[in-house]
């Protein structure tokens, strides 16, 4: 399982990359909760850019993938 910190550390400052529920082995419901915080406040070493990709699970929309940009912040 890839850890979020490992994924982010591999990227150079300014790089655009994707973080998904599948990469972190999380359900869309669990990933949605943290992705909303990232969208509002930024994540550890990155900021969300663009519109998050959503999937429908049992009639509800959940964020399952976000595109992010690596910042200079520590992870």
PDB file of N, CA and C in Angstrom:
ATOM      1  N   UNK A   1       0.842  -1.182   0.000  1.00  0.00           N
ATOM      2  CA  UNK A   1       0.000   0.000   0.000  1.00  0.00           C
ATOM      3  C   UNK A   1       0.889   1.248   0.000  1.00  0.00           C
ATOM      4  N   UNK A   2       0.576   2.148  -0.877  1.00  0.00           N
ATOM      5  CA  UNK A   2       1.328   3.404  -0.953  1.00  0.00           C
ATOM      6  C   UNK A   2       0.814   4.362   0.119  1.00  0.00           C
ATOM      7  N   UNK A   3       1.735   4.954   0.823  1.00  0.00           N
ATOM      8  CA  UNK A   3       1.361   5.961   1.805  1.00  0.00           C
ATOM      9  C   UNK A   3       1.296   7.310   1.113  1.00  0.00           C
ATOM     10  N   UNK A   4       0.414   8.167   1.580  1.00  0.00           N
ATOM     11  CA  UNK A   4       0.266   9.493   1.012  1.00  0.00           C
ATOM     12  C   UNK A   4       1.587  10.240   1.026  1.00  0.00           C
ATOM     13  N   UNK A   5       2.299  10.176   2.126  1.00  0.00           N
ATOM     14  CA  UNK A   5       3.565  10.891   2.249  1.00  0.00           C
ATOM     15  C   UNK A   5       4.585  10.416   1.214  1.00  0.00           C
ATOM     16  N   UNK A   6       4.628   9.113   0.960  1.00  0.00           N
ATOM     17  CA  UNK A   6       5.556   8.570  -0.025  1.00  0.00           C
ATOM     18  C   UNK A   6       5.220   9.067  -1.426  1.00  0.00           C
ATOM     19  N   UNK A   7       3.948   9.107  -1.746  1.00  0.00           N
ATOM     20  CA  UNK A   7       3.501   9.579  -3.057  1.00  0.00           C
ATOM     21  C   UNK A   7       3.891  11.034  -3.255  1.00  0.00           C
ATOM     22  N   UNK A   8       3.659  11.858  -2.254  1.00  0.00           N
ATOM     23  CA  UNK A   8       3.937  13.285  -2.353  1.00  0.00           C
ATOM     24  C   UNK A   8       5.435  13.547  -2.404  1.00  0.00           C
ATOM     25  N   UNK A   9       6.198  12.862  -1.603  1.00  0.00           N
ATOM     26  CA  UNK A   9       7.664  13.083  -1.560  1.00  0.00           C
ATOM     27  C   UNK A   9       8.345  12.765  -2.882  1.00  0.00           C
ATOM     28  N   UNK A  10       7.787  11.839  -3.667  1.00  0.00           N
ATOM     29  CA  UNK A  10       8.378  11.470  -4.951  1.00  0.00           C
ATOM     30  C   UNK A  10       8.256  12.584  -5.997  1.00  0.00           C
ATOM     31  N   UNK A  11       7.398  13.553  -5.749  1.00  0.00           N
ATOM     32  CA  UNK A  11       7.130  14.607  -6.730  1.00  0.00           C
ATOM     33  C   UNK A  11       8.027  15.818  -6.511  1.00  0.00           C
ATOM     34  N   UNK A  12       8.379  16.475  -7.601  1.00  0.00           N
ATOM     35  CA  UNK A  12       9.158  17.707  -7.520  1.00  0.00           C
ATOM     36  C   UNK A  12       8.214  18.870  -7.263  1.00  0.00           C
ATOM     37  N   UNK A  13       8.720  19.939  -6.662  1.00  0.00           N
ATOM     38  CA  UNK A  13       7.930  21.141  -6.430  1.00  0.00           C
ATOM     39  C   UNK A  13       7.362  21.637  -7.753  1.00  0.00           C
ATOM     40  N   UNK A  14       6.060  21.903  -7.758  1.00  0.00           N
ATOM     41  CA  UNK A  14       5.381  22.382  -8.957  1.00  0.00           C
ATOM     42  C   UNK A  14       4.795  21.286  -9.823  1.00  0.00           C
ATOM     43  N   UNK A  15       5.104  20.030  -9.525  1.00  0.00           N
ATOM     44  CA  UNK A  15       4.582  18.914 -10.318  1.00  0.00           C
ATOM     45  C   UNK A  15       3.086  18.737 -10.079  1.00  0.00           C
ATOM     46  N   UNK A  16       2.370  18.414 -11.134  1.00  0.00           N
ATOM     47  CA  UNK A  16       0.940  18.105 -11.055  1.00  0.00           C
ATOM     48  C   UNK A  16       0.805  16.595 -11.107  1.00  0.00           C
ATOM     49  N   UNK A  17       0.036  16.030 -10.177  1.00  0.00           N
ATOM     50  CA  UNK A  17      -0.155  14.586 -10.143  1.00  0.00           C
ATOM     51  C   UNK A  17      -1.516  14.257  -9.542  1.00  0.00           C
ATOM     52  N   UNK A  18      -1.881  12.997  -9.590  1.00  0.00           N
ATOM     53  CA  UNK A  18      -3.195  12.542  -9.137  1.00  0.00           C
ATOM     54  C   UNK A  18      -3.044  11.705  -7.871  1.00  0.00           C
ATOM     55  N   UNK A  19      -3.979  11.889  -6.958  1.00  0.00           N
ATOM     56  CA  UNK A  19      -4.100  11.035  -5.780  1.00  0.00           C
ATOM     57  C   UNK A  19      -5.512  10.464  -5.819  1.00  0.00           C
ATOM     58  N   UNK A  20      -5.625   9.155  -5.714  1.00  0.00           N
ATOM     59  CA  UNK A  20      -6.944   8.522  -5.795  1.00  0.00           C
ATOM     60  C   UNK A  20      -7.217   7.643  -4.579  1.00  0.00           C
ATOM     61  N   UNK A  21      -8.479   7.350  -4.402  1.00  0.00           N
ATOM     62  CA  UNK A  21      -8.892   6.447  -3.325  1.00  0.00           C
ATOM     63  C   UNK A  21      -8.240   5.083  -3.520  1.00  0.00           C
ATOM     64  N   UNK A  22      -8.180   4.633  -4.748  1.00  0.00           N
ATOM     65  CA  UNK A  22      -7.602   3.327  -5.048  1.00  0.00           C
ATOM     66  C   UNK A  22      -6.117   3.282  -4.692  1.00  0.00           C
ATOM     67  N   UNK A  23      -5.372   4.357  -4.984  1.00  0.00           N
ATOM     68  CA  UNK A  23      -3.942   4.402  -4.662  1.00  0.00           C
ATOM     69  C   UNK A  23      -3.711   4.248  -3.161  1.00  0.00           C
ATOM     70  N   UNK A  24      -4.603   4.835  -2.371  1.00  0.00           N
ATOM     71  CA  UNK A  24      -4.463   4.795  -0.917  1.00  0.00           C
ATOM     72  C   UNK A  24      -5.232   3.634  -0.291  1.00  0.00           C
ATOM     73  N   UNK A  25      -5.838   2.819  -1.149  1.00  0.00           N
ATOM     74  CA  UNK A  25      -6.633   1.659  -0.718  1.00  0.00           C
ATOM     75  C   UNK A  25      -7.724   2.065   0.278  1.00  0.00           C
ATOM     76  N   UNK A  26      -8.456   3.097  -0.129  1.00  0.00           N
ATOM     77  CA  UNK A  26      -9.559   3.605   0.688  1.00  0.00           C
ATOM     78  C   UNK A  26     -10.852   3.503  -0.104  1.00  0.00           C
ATOM     79  N   UNK A  27     -11.960   3.448   0.600  1.00  0.00           N
ATOM     80  CA  UNK A  27     -13.252   3.490  -0.072  1.00  0.00           C
ATOM     81  C   UNK A  27     -13.502   4.924  -0.525  1.00  0.00           C
ATOM     82  N   UNK A  28     -14.319   5.113  -1.562  1.00  0.00           N
ATOM     83  CA  UNK A  28     -14.646   6.479  -1.982  1.00  0.00           C
ATOM     84  C   UNK A  28     -15.253   7.311  -0.847  1.00  0.00           C
ATOM     85  N   UNK A  29     -16.032   6.693  -0.003  1.00  0.00           N
ATOM     86  CA  UNK A  29     -16.657   7.408   1.117  1.00  0.00           C
ATOM     87  C   UNK A  29     -15.591   7.958   2.087  1.00  0.00           C
ATOM     88  N   UNK A  30     -14.610   7.122   2.429  1.00  0.00           N
ATOM     89  CA  UNK A  30     -13.538   7.558   3.340  1.00  0.00           C
ATOM     90  C   UNK A  30     -12.635   8.592   2.675  1.00  0.00           C
ATOM     91  N   UNK A  31     -12.295   8.352   1.406  1.00  0.00           N
ATOM     92  CA  UNK A  31     -11.442   9.275   0.672  1.00  0.00           C
ATOM     93  C   UNK A  31     -12.119  10.632   0.515  1.00  0.00           C
ATOM     94  N   UNK A  32     -13.414  10.636   0.262  1.00  0.00           N
ATOM     95  CA  UNK A  32     -14.177  11.875   0.097  1.00  0.00           C
ATOM     96  C   UNK A  32     -14.027  12.791   1.310  1.00  0.00           C
ATOM     97  N   UNK A  33     -14.073  12.217   2.485  1.00  0.00           N
ATOM     98  CA  UNK A  33     -13.979  13.015   3.716  1.00  0.00           C
ATOM     99  C   UNK A  33     -12.652  13.762   3.798  1.00  0.00           C
ATOM    100  N   UNK A  34     -11.543  13.091   3.503  1.00  0.00           N
ATOM    101  CA  UNK A  34     -10.251  13.775   3.593  1.00  0.00           C
ATOM    102  C   UNK A  34     -10.005  14.667   2.378  1.00  0.00           C
ATOM    103  N   UNK A  35     -10.517  14.263   1.207  1.00  0.00           N
ATOM    104  CA  UNK A  35     -10.332  15.072  -0.002  1.00  0.00           C
ATOM    105  C   UNK A  35     -11.040  16.424   0.126  1.00  0.00           C
ATOM    106  N   UNK A  36     -12.163  16.460   0.820  1.00  0.00           N
ATOM    107  CA  UNK A  36     -12.855  17.731   1.028  1.00  0.00           C
ATOM    108  C   UNK A  36     -12.014  18.672   1.895  1.00  0.00           C
ATOM    109  N   UNK A  37     -11.335  18.136   2.898  1.00  0.00           N
ATOM    110  CA  UNK A  37     -10.446  18.939   3.734  1.00  0.00           C
ATOM    111  C   UNK A  37      -9.285  19.447   2.892  1.00  0.00           C
ATOM    112  N   UNK A  38      -8.692  18.568   2.070  1.00  0.00           N
ATOM    113  CA  UNK A  38      -7.595  18.979   1.199  1.00  0.00           C
ATOM    114  C   UNK A  38      -8.026  20.092   0.267  1.00  0.00           C
ATOM    115  N   UNK A  39      -9.244  19.979  -0.266  1.00  0.00           N
ATOM    116  CA  UNK A  39      -9.747  20.988  -1.195  1.00  0.00           C
ATOM    117  C   UNK A  39      -9.892  22.344  -0.505  1.00  0.00           C
ATOM    118  N   UNK A  40     -10.321  22.339   0.751  1.00  0.00           N
ATOM    119  CA  UNK A  40     -10.515  23.584   1.500  1.00  0.00           C
ATOM    120  C   UNK A  40      -9.216  24.152   2.063  1.00  0.00           C
ATOM    121  N   UNK A  41      -8.369  23.289   2.608  1.00  0.00           N
ATOM    122  CA  UNK A  41      -7.204  23.737   3.372  1.00  0.00           C
ATOM    123  C   UNK A  41      -5.860  23.365   2.752  1.00  0.00           C
ATOM    124  N   UNK A  42      -5.858  22.532   1.732  1.00  0.00           N
ATOM    125  CA  UNK A  42      -4.610  22.016   1.176  1.00  0.00           C
ATOM    126  C   UNK A  42      -4.200  20.761   1.916  1.00  0.00           C
ATOM    127  N   UNK A  43      -3.366  19.990   1.282  1.00  0.00           N
ATOM    128  CA  UNK A  43      -2.914  18.750   1.901  1.00  0.00           C
ATOM    129  C   UNK A  43      -1.485  18.882   2.381  1.00  0.00           C
ATOM    130  N   UNK A  44      -0.935  17.796   2.903  1.00  0.00           N
ATOM    131  CA  UNK A  44       0.449  17.825   3.377  1.00  0.00           C
ATOM    132  C   UNK A  44       1.433  17.863   2.207  1.00  0.00           C
ATOM    133  N   UNK A  45       1.841  19.084   1.827  1.00  0.00           N
ATOM    134  CA  UNK A  45       2.794  19.253   0.746  1.00  0.00           C
ATOM    135  C   UNK A  45       2.183  19.454  -0.623  1.00  0.00           C
ATOM    136  N   UNK A  46       0.874  19.659  -0.698  1.00  0.00           N
ATOM    137  CA  UNK A  46       0.226  19.867  -1.989  1.00  0.00           C
ATOM    138  C   UNK A  46      -1.062  20.676  -1.840  1.00  0.00           C
ATOM    139  N   UNK A  47      -1.528  21.199  -2.967  1.00  0.00           N
ATOM    140  CA  UNK A  47      -2.819  21.884  -3.044  1.00  0.00           C
ATOM    141  C   UNK A  47      -3.640  21.238  -4.152  1.00  0.00           C
ATOM    142  N   UNK A  48      -4.930  21.112  -3.928  1.00  0.00           N
ATOM    143  CA  UNK A  48      -5.832  20.550  -4.936  1.00  0.00           C
ATOM    144  C   UNK A  48      -6.035  21.582  -6.031  1.00  0.00           C
ATOM    145  N   UNK A  49      -6.016  21.134  -7.273  1.00  0.00           N
ATOM    146  CA  UNK A  49      -6.254  21.989  -8.415  1.00  0.00           C
ATOM    147  C   UNK A  49      -7.350  21.372  -9.276  1.00  0.00           C
ATOM    148  N   UNK A  50      -8.135  22.186  -9.905  1.00  0.00           N
ATOM    149  CA  UNK A  50      -9.200  21.670 -10.759  1.00  0.00           C
ATOM    150  C   UNK A  50     -10.377  21.142  -9.961  1.00  0.00           C
ATOM    151  N   UNK A  51     -11.215  20.389 -10.663  1.00  0.00           N
ATOM    152  CA  UNK A  51     -12.432  19.838 -10.070  1.00  0.00           C
ATOM    153  C   UNK A  51     -12.190  18.379  -9.710  1.00  0.00           C
ATOM    154  N   UNK A  52     -12.445  17.996  -8.462  1.00  0.00           N
ATOM    155  CA  UNK A  52     -12.264  16.591  -8.070  1.00  0.00           C
ATOM    156  C   UNK A  52     -13.187  15.663  -8.878  1.00  0.00           C
ATOM    157  N   UNK A  53     -12.703  14.470  -9.194  1.00  0.00           N
ATOM    158  CA  UNK A  53     -13.480  13.463  -9.903  1.00  0.00           C
ATOM    159  C   UNK A  53     -14.343  12.724  -8.900  1.00  0.00           C
ATOM    160  N   UNK A  54     -15.604  12.569  -9.235  1.00  0.00           N
ATOM    161  CA  UNK A  54     -16.541  11.911  -8.320  1.00  0.00           C
ATOM    162  C   UNK A  54     -17.108  10.637  -8.933  1.00  0.00           C
ATOM    163  N   UNK A  55     -17.484   9.708  -8.059  1.00  0.00           N
ATOM    164  CA  UNK A  55     -18.160   8.479  -8.456  1.00  0.00           C
ATOM    165  C   UNK A  55     -19.475   8.398  -7.678  1.00  0.00           C
ATOM    166  N   UNK A  56     -20.405   7.613  -8.204  1.00  0.00           N
ATOM    167  CA  UNK A  56     -21.685   7.412  -7.534  1.00  0.00           C
ATOM    168  C   UNK A  56     -21.657   6.052  -6.844  1.00  0.00           C
ATOM    169  N   UNK A  57     -21.935   6.063  -5.539  1.00  0.00           N
ATOM    170  CA  UNK A  57     -22.015   4.834  -4.758  1.00  0.00           C
ATOM    171  C   UNK A  57     -23.352   4.860  -4.036  1.00  0.00           C
ATOM    172  N   UNK A  58     -24.200   3.905  -4.361  1.00  0.00           N
ATOM    173  CA  UNK A  58     -25.522   3.797  -3.750  1.00  0.00           C
ATOM    174  C   UNK A  58     -26.283   5.123  -3.821  1.00  0.00           C
ATOM    175  N   UNK A  59     -26.211   5.774  -4.973  1.00  0.00           N
ATOM    176  CA  UNK A  59     -26.967   7.003  -5.199  1.00  0.00           C
ATOM    177  C   UNK A  59     -26.343   8.271  -4.636  1.00  0.00           C
ATOM    178  N   UNK A  60     -25.148   8.186  -4.048  1.00  0.00           N
ATOM    179  CA  UNK A  60     -24.472   9.365  -3.493  1.00  0.00           C
ATOM    180  C   UNK A  60     -23.171   9.607  -4.258  1.00  0.00           C
ATOM    181  N   UNK A  61     -22.835  10.885  -4.437  1.00  0.00           N
ATOM    182  CA  UNK A  61     -21.585  11.252  -5.101  1.00  0.00           C
ATOM    183  C   UNK A  61     -20.464  11.367  -4.073  1.00  0.00           C
ATOM    184  N   UNK A  62     -19.318  10.746  -4.383  1.00  0.00           N
ATOM    185  CA  UNK A  62     -18.145  10.815  -3.522  1.00  0.00           C
ATOM    186  C   UNK A  62     -16.921  11.127  -4.370  1.00  0.00           C
ATOM    187  N   UNK A  63     -16.015  11.936  -3.819  1.00  0.00           N
ATOM    188  CA  UNK A  63     -14.754  12.222  -4.501  1.00  0.00           C
ATOM    189  C   UNK A  63     -13.909  10.952  -4.464  1.00  0.00           C
ATOM    190  N   UNK A  64     -13.423  10.535  -5.644  1.00  0.00           N
ATOM    191  CA  UNK A  64     -12.585   9.341  -5.685  1.00  0.00           C
ATOM    192  C   UNK A  64     -11.192   9.630  -6.231  1.00  0.00           C
ATOM    193  N   UNK A  65     -10.995  10.857  -6.769  1.00  0.00           N
ATOM    194  CA  UNK A  65      -9.688  11.202  -7.329  1.00  0.00           C
ATOM    195  C   UNK A  65      -9.540  12.718  -7.363  1.00  0.00           C
ATOM    196  N   UNK A  66      -8.361  13.217  -7.000  1.00  0.00           N
ATOM    197  CA  UNK A  66      -8.074  14.642  -7.072  1.00  0.00           C
ATOM    198  C   UNK A  66      -6.759  14.861  -7.808  1.00  0.00           C
ATOM    199  N   UNK A  67      -6.696  15.966  -8.530  1.00  0.00           N
ATOM    200  CA  UNK A  67      -5.454  16.386  -9.158  1.00  0.00           C
ATOM    201  C   UNK A  67      -4.855  17.438  -8.251  1.00  0.00           C
ATOM    202  N   UNK A  68      -3.576  17.305  -7.954  1.00  0.00           N
ATOM    203  CA  UNK A  68      -2.930  18.191  -6.999  1.00  0.00           C
ATOM    204  C   UNK A  68      -1.622  18.743  -7.577  1.00  0.00           C
ATOM    205  N   UNK A  69      -1.133  19.814  -6.974  1.00  0.00           N
ATOM    206  CA  UNK A  69       0.146  20.410  -7.338  1.00  0.00           C
ATOM    207  C   UNK A  69       1.030  20.396  -6.105  1.00  0.00           C
ATOM    208  N   UNK A  70       2.241  19.893  -6.274  1.00  0.00           N
ATOM    209  CA  UNK A  70       3.206  19.810  -5.168  1.00  0.00           C
ATOM    210  C   UNK A  70       3.671  21.210  -4.789  1.00  0.00           C
ATOM    211  N   UNK A  71       3.667  21.496  -3.505  1.00  0.00           N
ATOM    212  CA  UNK A  71       4.146  22.769  -2.992  1.00  0.00           C
ATOM    213  C   UNK A  71       5.495  22.574  -2.315  1.00  0.00           C
ATOM    214  N   UNK A  72       6.045  23.648  -1.804  1.00  0.00           N
ATOM    215  CA  UNK A  72       7.327  23.558  -1.107  1.00  0.00           C
ATOM    216  C   UNK A  72       7.157  23.184   0.357  1.00  0.00           C
ATOM    217  N   UNK A  73       5.916  23.069   0.820  1.00  0.00           N
ATOM    218  CA  UNK A  73       5.650  22.728   2.214  1.00  0.00           C
ATOM    219  C   UNK A  73       6.193  21.336   2.556  1.00  0.00           C
ATOM    220  N   UNK A  74       6.569  21.171   3.791  1.00  0.00           N
ATOM    221  CA  UNK A  74       7.048  19.868   4.275  1.00  0.00           C
ATOM    222  C   UNK A  74       5.901  18.860   4.286  1.00  0.00           C
ATOM    223  N   UNK A  75       6.243  17.607   4.079  1.00  0.00           N
ATOM    224  CA  UNK A  75       5.237  16.538   4.088  1.00  0.00           C
ATOM    225  C   UNK A  75       5.230  15.905   5.456  1.00  0.00           C
TER     226      UNK A  75
END
